Amino acid sequence: MRKVGAALILGLALAMAGPARAERLEVRVSISQQKMLVYHEGRLLYDWPVSTAGRGSVTPAGIYKPEFLSKNHRSRRYNNAPMPFAIFYDGNYAIHGTTHLKKLGRPASHGCVRLHPDNAKILFQMVKWEGMDNMRISIVQ
């Protein structure tokens, strides 16, 4: 019982010592601007055009953590469409590369956040390097 009590007190002391360390990697997606900003340790590194949900679809706004990564994913829902360097964050929603490069910068997806494949690869590698627990995805209107 003493060990449990000491561990509990230590845990409470650490929690009260200050705020938890912020995520090292933050992605901010603006649906209205069709843009993604990528921050590492609070410093803006990238400003990329994206495509979010087109007419009849929704890209859900909110704050998310990555759920899983898939380097060579293909969509079972949409005719085996390629989704390279996919970072899944809310069930079937993901940030991923696209072959529809001319549509970047305007709504065009079924709800995912589409990126140029080169940019998706960079982001994917950053998440692998930093770890999924150290990433936050913010999607705003």
N, C-alpha and C. Protein backbone atom coordinates (compact mmCIF):
# COMPACT_ATOMS: atom_id res chain seq x y z
N MET A 1 0.81 -1.19 0.00
CA MET A 1 0.00 0.00 0.00
C MET A 1 0.86 1.26 0.00
N ARG A 2 1.97 1.23 0.71
CA ARG A 2 2.85 2.39 0.74
C ARG A 2 3.39 2.72 -0.65
N LYS A 3 3.75 1.69 -1.45
CA LYS A 3 4.28 1.93 -2.79
C LYS A 3 3.22 2.57 -3.67
N VAL A 4 1.99 2.11 -3.58
CA VAL A 4 0.91 2.70 -4.37
C VAL A 4 0.68 4.14 -3.95
N GLY A 5 0.66 4.39 -2.66
CA GLY A 5 0.46 5.75 -2.16
C GLY A 5 1.57 6.68 -2.61
N ALA A 6 2.82 6.23 -2.54
CA ALA A 6 3.96 7.04 -2.96
C ALA A 6 3.90 7.33 -4.46
N ALA A 7 3.54 6.32 -5.24
CA ALA A 7 3.43 6.50 -6.69
C ALA A 7 2.33 7.50 -7.02
N LEU A 8 1.22 7.42 -6.30
CA LEU A 8 0.12 8.34 -6.53
C LEU A 8 0.54 9.77 -6.19
N ILE A 9 1.21 9.96 -5.09
CA ILE A 9 1.67 11.29 -4.68
C ILE A 9 2.67 11.83 -5.69
N LEU A 10 3.61 11.00 -6.14
CA LEU A 10 4.59 11.42 -7.14
C LEU A 10 3.87 11.83 -8.43
N GLY A 11 2.90 11.04 -8.86
CA GLY A 11 2.14 11.36 -10.07
C GLY A 11 1.40 12.68 -9.95
N LEU A 12 0.78 12.91 -8.82
CA LEU A 12 0.07 14.18 -8.59
C LEU A 12 1.05 15.35 -8.57
N ALA A 13 2.19 15.17 -7.95
CA ALA A 13 3.20 16.24 -7.89
C ALA A 13 3.69 16.59 -9.29
N LEU A 14 3.94 15.58 -10.11
CA LEU A 14 4.39 15.84 -11.48
C LEU A 14 3.31 16.55 -12.29
N ALA A 15 2.07 16.14 -12.08
CA ALA A 15 0.95 16.76 -12.81
C ALA A 15 0.78 18.21 -12.42
N MET A 16 1.03 18.52 -11.17
CA MET A 16 0.83 19.90 -10.69
C MET A 16 2.04 20.79 -10.98
N ALA A 17 3.17 20.19 -11.38
CA ALA A 17 4.39 20.95 -11.60
C ALA A 17 4.29 21.91 -12.77
N GLY A 18 3.41 21.66 -13.69
CA GLY A 18 3.27 22.54 -14.84
C GLY A 18 2.56 21.82 -15.96
N PRO A 19 2.31 22.53 -17.06
CA PRO A 19 1.59 21.91 -18.17
C PRO A 19 2.44 20.82 -18.82
N ALA A 20 1.74 19.86 -19.40
CA ALA A 20 2.42 18.78 -20.11
C ALA A 20 3.15 19.36 -21.32
N ARG A 21 4.19 18.68 -21.73
CA ARG A 21 4.95 19.12 -22.90
C ARG A 21 4.04 19.11 -24.12
N ALA A 22 4.09 20.18 -24.88
CA ALA A 22 3.26 20.27 -26.07
C ALA A 22 3.77 19.30 -27.13
N GLU A 23 2.92 18.97 -28.07
CA GLU A 23 3.31 18.10 -29.16
C GLU A 23 4.43 18.77 -29.95
N ARG A 24 5.39 17.99 -30.37
CA ARG A 24 6.52 18.54 -31.11
C ARG A 24 6.14 18.86 -32.55
N LEU A 25 5.12 18.17 -33.06
CA LEU A 25 4.70 18.34 -34.44
C LEU A 25 3.22 18.71 -34.45
N GLU A 26 2.91 19.83 -35.08
CA GLU A 26 1.51 20.26 -35.17
C GLU A 26 1.17 20.58 -36.62
N VAL A 27 0.03 20.06 -37.04
CA VAL A 27 -0.49 20.31 -38.37
C VAL A 27 -1.79 21.08 -38.21
N ARG A 28 -1.89 22.23 -38.88
CA ARG A 28 -3.12 23.03 -38.85
C ARG A 28 -3.68 23.10 -40.26
N VAL A 29 -4.90 22.61 -40.42
CA VAL A 29 -5.56 22.61 -41.72
C VAL A 29 -6.71 23.61 -41.68
N SER A 30 -6.72 24.53 -42.64
CA SER A 30 -7.81 25.49 -42.78
C SER A 30 -8.66 25.05 -43.97
N ILE A 31 -9.90 24.68 -43.68
CA ILE A 31 -10.82 24.26 -44.74
C ILE A 31 -11.16 25.45 -45.64
N SER A 32 -11.39 26.62 -45.06
CA SER A 32 -11.77 27.79 -45.86
C SER A 32 -10.64 28.27 -46.76
N GLN A 33 -9.39 28.09 -46.31
CA GLN A 33 -8.25 28.54 -47.12
C GLN A 33 -7.62 27.41 -47.94
N GLN A 34 -8.06 26.16 -47.69
CA GLN A 34 -7.49 25.00 -48.38
C GLN A 34 -5.96 25.02 -48.25
N LYS A 35 -5.53 25.10 -46.98
CA LYS A 35 -4.12 25.24 -46.68
C LYS A 35 -3.75 24.42 -45.46
N MET A 36 -2.53 23.92 -45.43
CA MET A 36 -1.99 23.22 -44.27
C MET A 36 -0.71 23.93 -43.84
N LEU A 37 -0.64 24.20 -42.55
CA LEU A 37 0.57 24.74 -41.95
C LEU A 37 1.17 23.64 -41.08
N VAL A 38 2.46 23.42 -41.20
CA VAL A 38 3.15 22.39 -40.43
C VAL A 38 4.16 23.07 -39.52
N TYR A 39 4.01 22.83 -38.22
CA TYR A 39 4.89 23.41 -37.21
C TYR A 39 5.69 22.31 -36.54
N HIS A 40 6.96 22.60 -36.30
CA HIS A 40 7.79 21.69 -35.50
C HIS A 40 8.35 22.50 -34.34
N GLU A 41 8.03 22.05 -33.13
CA GLU A 41 8.43 22.73 -31.90
C GLU A 41 8.06 24.21 -31.94
N GLY A 42 6.87 24.50 -32.48
CA GLY A 42 6.35 25.86 -32.52
C GLY A 42 6.83 26.70 -33.68
N ARG A 43 7.73 26.19 -34.50
CA ARG A 43 8.27 26.94 -35.63
C ARG A 43 7.61 26.49 -36.92
N LEU A 44 7.08 27.43 -37.69
CA LEU A 44 6.45 27.11 -38.97
C LEU A 44 7.50 26.62 -39.96
N LEU A 45 7.28 25.40 -40.46
CA LEU A 45 8.21 24.84 -41.44
C LEU A 45 7.62 24.83 -42.85
N TYR A 46 6.32 24.53 -42.95
CA TYR A 46 5.71 24.35 -44.26
C TYR A 46 4.34 25.01 -44.33
N ASP A 47 4.01 25.48 -45.52
CA ASP A 47 2.71 26.07 -45.84
C ASP A 47 2.32 25.45 -47.19
N TRP A 48 1.41 24.47 -47.14
CA TRP A 48 1.10 23.68 -48.33
C TRP A 48 -0.37 23.82 -48.72
N PRO A 49 -0.67 23.81 -50.02
CA PRO A 49 -2.07 23.73 -50.45
C PRO A 49 -2.59 22.31 -50.24
N VAL A 50 -3.87 22.22 -49.92
CA VAL A 50 -4.52 20.93 -49.73
C VAL A 50 -5.86 20.93 -50.45
N SER A 51 -6.46 19.77 -50.51
CA SER A 51 -7.86 19.64 -50.92
C SER A 51 -8.58 18.93 -49.80
N THR A 52 -9.66 19.55 -49.32
CA THR A 52 -10.51 18.90 -48.33
C THR A 52 -11.82 18.55 -49.03
N ALA A 53 -12.85 18.27 -48.27
CA ALA A 53 -14.10 17.75 -48.82
C ALA A 53 -14.73 18.65 -49.88
N GLY A 54 -15.09 18.02 -50.98
CA GLY A 54 -15.84 18.70 -52.03
C GLY A 54 -17.33 18.67 -51.72
N ARG A 55 -18.12 19.18 -52.64
CA ARG A 55 -19.57 19.24 -52.49
C ARG A 55 -20.14 17.86 -52.17
N GLY A 56 -20.98 17.82 -51.15
CA GLY A 56 -21.63 16.58 -50.75
C GLY A 56 -20.84 15.74 -49.76
N SER A 57 -19.64 16.19 -49.41
CA SER A 57 -18.79 15.47 -48.46
C SER A 57 -18.40 16.42 -47.33
N VAL A 58 -17.82 15.85 -46.28
CA VAL A 58 -17.44 16.64 -45.11
C VAL A 58 -16.04 16.26 -44.66
N THR A 59 -15.23 17.26 -44.35
CA THR A 59 -13.99 17.06 -43.62
C THR A 59 -14.29 17.54 -42.21
N PRO A 60 -14.32 16.64 -41.23
CA PRO A 60 -14.72 17.05 -39.88
C PRO A 60 -13.67 17.95 -39.22
N ALA A 61 -14.15 19.06 -38.67
CA ALA A 61 -13.27 19.97 -37.92
C ALA A 61 -13.05 19.38 -36.54
N GLY A 62 -11.91 19.70 -35.95
CA GLY A 62 -11.61 19.25 -34.60
C GLY A 62 -10.12 19.12 -34.39
N ILE A 63 -9.78 18.60 -33.23
CA ILE A 63 -8.38 18.36 -32.88
C ILE A 63 -8.21 16.85 -32.72
N TYR A 64 -7.21 16.32 -33.39
CA TYR A 64 -7.02 14.88 -33.48
C TYR A 64 -5.58 14.49 -33.22
N LYS A 65 -5.40 13.21 -32.93
CA LYS A 65 -4.10 12.57 -32.86
C LYS A 65 -4.09 11.50 -33.94
N PRO A 66 -2.94 11.22 -34.53
CA PRO A 66 -2.87 10.13 -35.51
C PRO A 66 -3.26 8.81 -34.86
N GLU A 67 -3.99 8.00 -35.61
CA GLU A 67 -4.39 6.67 -35.13
C GLU A 67 -3.50 5.58 -35.71
N PHE A 68 -3.17 5.70 -37.00
CA PHE A 68 -2.22 4.77 -37.60
C PHE A 68 -1.69 5.34 -38.90
N LEU A 69 -0.56 4.80 -39.34
CA LEU A 69 0.10 5.23 -40.56
C LEU A 69 0.06 4.10 -41.58
N SER A 70 -0.05 4.46 -42.86
CA SER A 70 -0.04 3.47 -43.92
C SER A 70 0.67 4.06 -45.14
N LYS A 71 1.86 3.58 -45.39
CA LYS A 71 2.71 4.16 -46.45
C LYS A 71 2.12 4.01 -47.85
N ASN A 72 1.55 2.86 -48.17
CA ASN A 72 1.04 2.60 -49.52
C ASN A 72 -0.44 2.22 -49.49
N HIS A 73 -1.23 3.00 -48.80
CA HIS A 73 -2.63 2.66 -48.60
C HIS A 73 -3.44 2.81 -49.89
N ARG A 74 -4.46 1.98 -50.01
CA ARG A 74 -5.44 2.09 -51.10
C ARG A 74 -6.82 2.08 -50.48
N SER A 75 -7.69 2.92 -51.01
CA SER A 75 -9.04 3.06 -50.47
C SER A 75 -9.94 1.92 -50.90
N ARG A 76 -10.49 1.22 -49.92
CA ARG A 76 -11.48 0.17 -50.22
C ARG A 76 -12.82 0.81 -50.58
N ARG A 77 -13.05 2.00 -50.09
CA ARG A 77 -14.33 2.69 -50.35
C ARG A 77 -14.42 3.32 -51.73
N TYR A 78 -13.28 3.75 -52.27
CA TYR A 78 -13.29 4.53 -53.51
C TYR A 78 -12.41 3.88 -54.58
N ASN A 79 -12.85 2.72 -55.06
CA ASN A 79 -12.25 2.05 -56.22
C ASN A 79 -10.74 1.81 -56.10
N ASN A 80 -10.30 1.48 -54.91
CA ASN A 80 -8.88 1.18 -54.71
C ASN A 80 -7.96 2.36 -55.02
N ALA A 81 -8.50 3.58 -54.83
CA ALA A 81 -7.73 4.80 -55.11
C ALA A 81 -6.48 4.85 -54.23
N PRO A 82 -5.36 5.27 -54.82
CA PRO A 82 -4.12 5.35 -54.03
C PRO A 82 -4.20 6.49 -53.00
N MET A 83 -3.68 6.19 -51.80
CA MET A 83 -3.61 7.16 -50.71
C MET A 83 -2.21 7.07 -50.10
N PRO A 84 -1.18 7.46 -50.87
CA PRO A 84 0.18 7.28 -50.38
C PRO A 84 0.46 8.12 -49.14
N PHE A 85 1.27 7.56 -48.27
CA PHE A 85 1.72 8.24 -47.05
C PHE A 85 0.55 8.72 -46.21
N ALA A 86 -0.40 7.82 -45.98
CA ALA A 86 -1.63 8.15 -45.24
C ALA A 86 -1.38 8.20 -43.73
N ILE A 87 -1.90 9.26 -43.13
CA ILE A 87 -1.89 9.43 -41.68
C ILE A 87 -3.36 9.47 -41.27
N PHE A 88 -3.87 8.35 -40.78
CA PHE A 88 -5.27 8.27 -40.38
C PHE A 88 -5.46 8.90 -39.01
N TYR A 89 -6.51 9.74 -38.89
CA TYR A 89 -6.69 10.47 -37.64
C TYR A 89 -8.10 10.38 -37.07
N ASP A 90 -9.09 9.96 -37.82
CA ASP A 90 -10.46 9.89 -37.31
C ASP A 90 -11.20 8.81 -38.10
N GLY A 91 -10.99 7.56 -37.70
CA GLY A 91 -11.63 6.47 -38.42
C GLY A 91 -11.10 6.37 -39.84
N ASN A 92 -11.97 6.63 -40.83
CA ASN A 92 -11.57 6.54 -42.23
C ASN A 92 -11.00 7.84 -42.80
N TYR A 93 -10.89 8.87 -42.00
CA TYR A 93 -10.32 10.14 -42.47
C TYR A 93 -8.81 10.13 -42.31
N ALA A 94 -8.14 10.68 -43.32
CA ALA A 94 -6.68 10.69 -43.30
C ALA A 94 -6.13 11.90 -44.03
N ILE A 95 -4.89 12.21 -43.72
CA ILE A 95 -4.08 13.13 -44.52
C ILE A 95 -3.26 12.21 -45.42
N HIS A 96 -3.27 12.47 -46.73
CA HIS A 96 -2.53 11.58 -47.64
C HIS A 96 -2.21 12.27 -48.95
N GLY A 97 -1.29 11.68 -49.67
CA GLY A 97 -0.94 12.18 -51.00
C GLY A 97 -2.05 11.92 -51.99
N THR A 98 -2.00 12.65 -53.11
CA THR A 98 -3.01 12.51 -54.15
C THR A 98 -2.39 12.57 -55.53
N THR A 99 -3.07 11.99 -56.49
CA THR A 99 -2.66 12.11 -57.89
C THR A 99 -3.39 13.26 -58.58
N HIS A 100 -4.37 13.85 -57.89
CA HIS A 100 -5.16 14.95 -58.45
C HIS A 100 -4.50 16.29 -58.11
N LEU A 101 -3.32 16.52 -58.66
CA LEU A 101 -2.52 17.68 -58.29
C LEU A 101 -3.16 19.00 -58.70
N LYS A 102 -3.88 19.01 -59.82
CA LYS A 102 -4.49 20.26 -60.29
C LYS A 102 -5.63 20.73 -59.39
N LYS A 103 -6.14 19.83 -58.54
CA LYS A 103 -7.23 20.19 -57.65
C LYS A 103 -6.75 20.69 -56.29
N LEU A 104 -5.45 20.60 -56.02
CA LEU A 104 -4.94 21.10 -54.74
C LEU A 104 -5.21 22.60 -54.63
N GLY A 105 -5.63 23.02 -53.46
CA GLY A 105 -5.96 24.42 -53.24
C GLY A 105 -7.45 24.70 -53.33
N ARG A 106 -8.23 23.65 -53.61
CA ARG A 106 -9.69 23.81 -53.65
C ARG A 106 -10.35 22.51 -53.17
N PRO A 107 -11.59 22.58 -52.69
CA PRO A 107 -12.28 21.38 -52.19
C PRO A 107 -12.46 20.36 -53.31
N ALA A 108 -12.11 19.10 -53.02
CA ALA A 108 -12.22 18.08 -54.06
C ALA A 108 -12.29 16.65 -53.52
N SER A 109 -12.03 16.45 -52.23
CA SER A 109 -11.94 15.08 -51.71
C SER A 109 -13.29 14.57 -51.22
N HIS A 110 -13.27 13.32 -50.76
CA HIS A 110 -14.47 12.75 -50.13
C HIS A 110 -14.47 13.02 -48.62
N GLY A 111 -13.51 13.81 -48.15
CA GLY A 111 -13.44 14.15 -46.73
C GLY A 111 -12.04 14.13 -46.17
N CYS A 112 -11.15 13.40 -46.83
CA CYS A 112 -9.76 13.37 -46.39
C CYS A 112 -9.07 14.70 -46.73
N VAL A 113 -7.89 14.87 -46.19
CA VAL A 113 -7.06 16.03 -46.50
C VAL A 113 -5.99 15.54 -47.47
N ARG A 114 -6.08 16.01 -48.70
CA ARG A 114 -5.16 15.60 -49.74
C ARG A 114 -4.00 16.57 -49.86
N LEU A 115 -2.82 16.01 -50.09
CA LEU A 115 -1.58 16.78 -50.25
C LEU A 115 -0.85 16.33 -51.51
N HIS A 116 0.07 17.17 -51.96
CA HIS A 116 0.99 16.74 -53.00
C HIS A 116 1.76 15.54 -52.43
N PRO A 117 1.99 14.49 -53.21
CA PRO A 117 2.67 13.31 -52.69
C PRO A 117 4.05 13.59 -52.07
N ASP A 118 4.79 14.54 -52.63
CA ASP A 118 6.09 14.89 -52.05
C ASP A 118 5.92 15.46 -50.64
N ASN A 119 4.91 16.29 -50.46
CA ASN A 119 4.64 16.88 -49.15
C ASN A 119 4.11 15.83 -48.18
N ALA A 120 3.26 14.93 -48.69
CA ALA A 120 2.73 13.86 -47.84
C ALA A 120 3.87 12.98 -47.34
N LYS A 121 4.85 12.73 -48.19
CA LYS A 121 6.00 11.92 -47.79
C LYS A 121 6.80 12.61 -46.69
N ILE A 122 7.03 13.91 -46.83
CA ILE A 122 7.76 14.67 -45.81
C ILE A 122 7.02 14.59 -44.48
N LEU A 123 5.71 14.85 -44.50
CA LEU A 123 4.92 14.83 -43.27
C LEU A 123 4.91 13.43 -42.65
N PHE A 124 4.73 12.43 -43.47
CA PHE A 124 4.72 11.03 -43.01
C PHE A 124 6.04 10.70 -42.30
N GLN A 125 7.16 11.10 -42.90
CA GLN A 125 8.46 10.84 -42.30
C GLN A 125 8.63 11.60 -40.99
N MET A 126 8.10 12.82 -40.93
CA MET A 126 8.17 13.60 -39.69
C MET A 126 7.40 12.90 -38.56
N VAL A 127 6.22 12.38 -38.90
CA VAL A 127 5.41 11.69 -37.89
C VAL A 127 6.13 10.42 -37.42
N LYS A 128 6.70 9.69 -38.35
CA LYS A 128 7.44 8.49 -37.96
C LYS A 128 8.62 8.85 -37.06
N TRP A 129 9.31 9.94 -37.38
CA TRP A 129 10.47 10.36 -36.60
C TRP A 129 10.07 10.83 -35.21
N GLU A 130 9.05 11.68 -35.13
CA GLU A 130 8.63 12.26 -33.85
C GLU A 130 7.74 11.32 -33.04
N GLY A 131 7.04 10.43 -33.70
CA GLY A 131 6.11 9.53 -33.03
C GLY A 131 4.70 10.10 -33.07
N MET A 132 3.72 9.23 -33.19
CA MET A 132 2.33 9.66 -33.31
C MET A 132 1.85 10.38 -32.06
N ASP A 133 2.37 10.01 -30.90
CA ASP A 133 1.96 10.66 -29.65
C ASP A 133 2.44 12.11 -29.57
N ASN A 134 3.40 12.47 -30.40
CA ASN A 134 3.94 13.83 -30.38
C ASN A 134 3.41 14.69 -31.52
N MET A 135 2.28 14.30 -32.09
CA MET A 135 1.67 15.05 -33.18
C MET A 135 0.24 15.42 -32.84
N ARG A 136 -0.14 16.62 -33.24
CA ARG A 136 -1.53 17.06 -33.11
C ARG A 136 -1.97 17.59 -34.47
N ILE A 137 -3.19 17.23 -34.84
CA ILE A 137 -3.81 17.68 -36.09
C ILE A 137 -5.00 18.56 -35.71
N SER A 138 -4.97 19.81 -36.15
CA SER A 138 -6.08 20.74 -35.90
C SER A 138 -6.71 21.08 -37.25
N ILE A 139 -8.01 20.84 -37.35
CA ILE A 139 -8.73 21.16 -38.58
C ILE A 139 -9.81 22.16 -38.23
N VAL A 140 -9.76 23.31 -38.88
CA VAL A 140 -10.71 24.40 -38.62
C VAL A 140 -11.41 24.79 -39.91
N GLN A 141 -12.57 25.39 -39.76
CA GLN A 141 -13.30 25.88 -40.91
C GLN A 141 -12.56 27.03 -41.54
